[in-house]
């Protein structure tokens, strides 16, 4: 429903912050939750992602995700997948 208004990040896509806090931190999308919510105020569509350096899992509402993150191009993935 609500998620249809925004493009969802693809599972296993690699992302970084638009304004990096730490250089070279990249994140892999593990999934998107609450996609079929009818109550986005209480159950927002949320991106679940993993820090590729530390392995920590994080989550962020989709609206914040699209504002703060950018998808890495194939040419930017050197060293990320090693």
Protein backbone atom coordinates (compact mmCIF):
# COMPACT_ATOMS: atom_id res chain seq x y z
CA UNK A 1 0.00 0.00 0.00
CA UNK A 2 2.06 2.91 1.34
CA UNK A 3 5.33 1.30 0.20
CA UNK A 4 4.14 1.41 -3.40
CA UNK A 5 4.67 5.17 -3.34
CA UNK A 6 8.42 4.74 -2.82
CA UNK A 7 10.86 2.45 -4.55
CA UNK A 8 12.01 -0.32 -2.24
CA UNK A 9 15.72 -1.13 -2.06
CA UNK A 10 16.58 -4.53 -3.53
CA UNK A 11 17.70 -7.28 -1.19
CA UNK A 12 21.49 -7.71 -1.15
CA UNK A 13 22.10 -4.31 -2.74
CA UNK A 14 25.14 -2.45 -1.38
CA UNK A 15 24.71 1.07 -0.09
CA UNK A 16 26.65 3.84 1.62
CA UNK A 17 25.66 7.05 3.35
CA UNK A 18 25.23 10.12 1.15
CA UNK A 19 27.30 11.99 3.75
CA UNK A 20 29.66 9.35 5.20
CA UNK A 21 30.23 9.33 8.95
CA UNK A 22 33.01 6.78 8.63
CA UNK A 23 34.94 6.33 5.39
CA UNK A 24 34.34 3.13 3.45
CA UNK A 25 31.41 1.92 5.57
CA UNK A 26 29.06 0.01 3.34
CA UNK A 27 25.78 -1.68 4.08
CA UNK A 28 24.01 -4.65 2.53
CA UNK A 29 20.21 -4.68 2.52
CA UNK A 30 18.94 -7.84 4.19
CA UNK A 31 15.25 -7.14 3.68
CA UNK A 32 12.36 -4.72 3.96
CA UNK A 33 9.68 -5.15 6.62
CA UNK A 34 6.09 -3.93 7.02
CA UNK A 35 5.64 -3.58 3.26
CA UNK A 36 1.91 -4.34 3.48
CA UNK A 37 1.22 -2.17 6.48
CA UNK A 38 -2.08 -0.38 6.66
CA UNK A 39 -0.84 1.60 9.69
CA UNK A 40 2.43 3.26 8.59
CA UNK A 41 2.44 5.60 11.60
CA UNK A 42 2.67 2.65 13.98
CA UNK A 43 4.41 0.16 11.71
CA UNK A 44 6.53 2.04 9.17
CA UNK A 45 8.07 0.31 6.19
CA UNK A 46 11.59 -0.42 7.43
CA UNK A 47 14.86 -1.35 5.73
CA UNK A 48 16.94 -3.97 7.56
CA UNK A 49 20.61 -3.79 6.65
CA UNK A 50 24.01 -5.15 7.70
CA UNK A 51 27.25 -3.23 8.11
CA UNK A 52 29.67 -5.08 5.81
CA UNK A 53 32.65 -4.23 8.06
CA UNK A 54 31.29 -5.17 11.50
CA UNK A 55 28.40 -7.48 10.58
CA UNK A 56 26.03 -5.52 12.84
CA UNK A 57 22.37 -5.46 11.83
CA UNK A 58 20.52 -2.16 11.73
CA UNK A 59 17.11 -0.93 10.66
CA UNK A 60 15.85 2.41 9.47
CA UNK A 61 12.44 3.62 8.25
CA UNK A 62 12.27 3.67 4.46
CA UNK A 63 11.72 7.44 4.40
CA UNK A 64 15.00 8.03 6.25
CA UNK A 65 16.76 5.39 4.17
CA UNK A 66 15.97 7.13 0.89
CA UNK A 67 17.05 10.50 2.33
CA UNK A 68 20.37 9.33 3.79
CA UNK A 69 21.64 6.42 1.72
CA UNK A 70 22.81 5.92 -1.86
CA UNK A 71 23.12 2.73 -3.88
CA UNK A 72 26.66 1.80 -4.83
CA UNK A 73 27.33 1.21 -8.52
CA UNK A 74 29.11 -1.95 -9.62
CA UNK A 75 32.26 0.10 -10.25
CA UNK A 76 32.22 1.24 -6.59
CA UNK A 77 32.08 -2.29 -5.14
CA UNK A 78 35.81 -3.05 -5.42
CA UNK A 79 36.97 -4.19 -1.99
CA UNK A 80 33.45 -4.32 -0.54
CA UNK A 81 32.78 -7.94 -1.46
CA UNK A 82 36.15 -9.34 -0.39
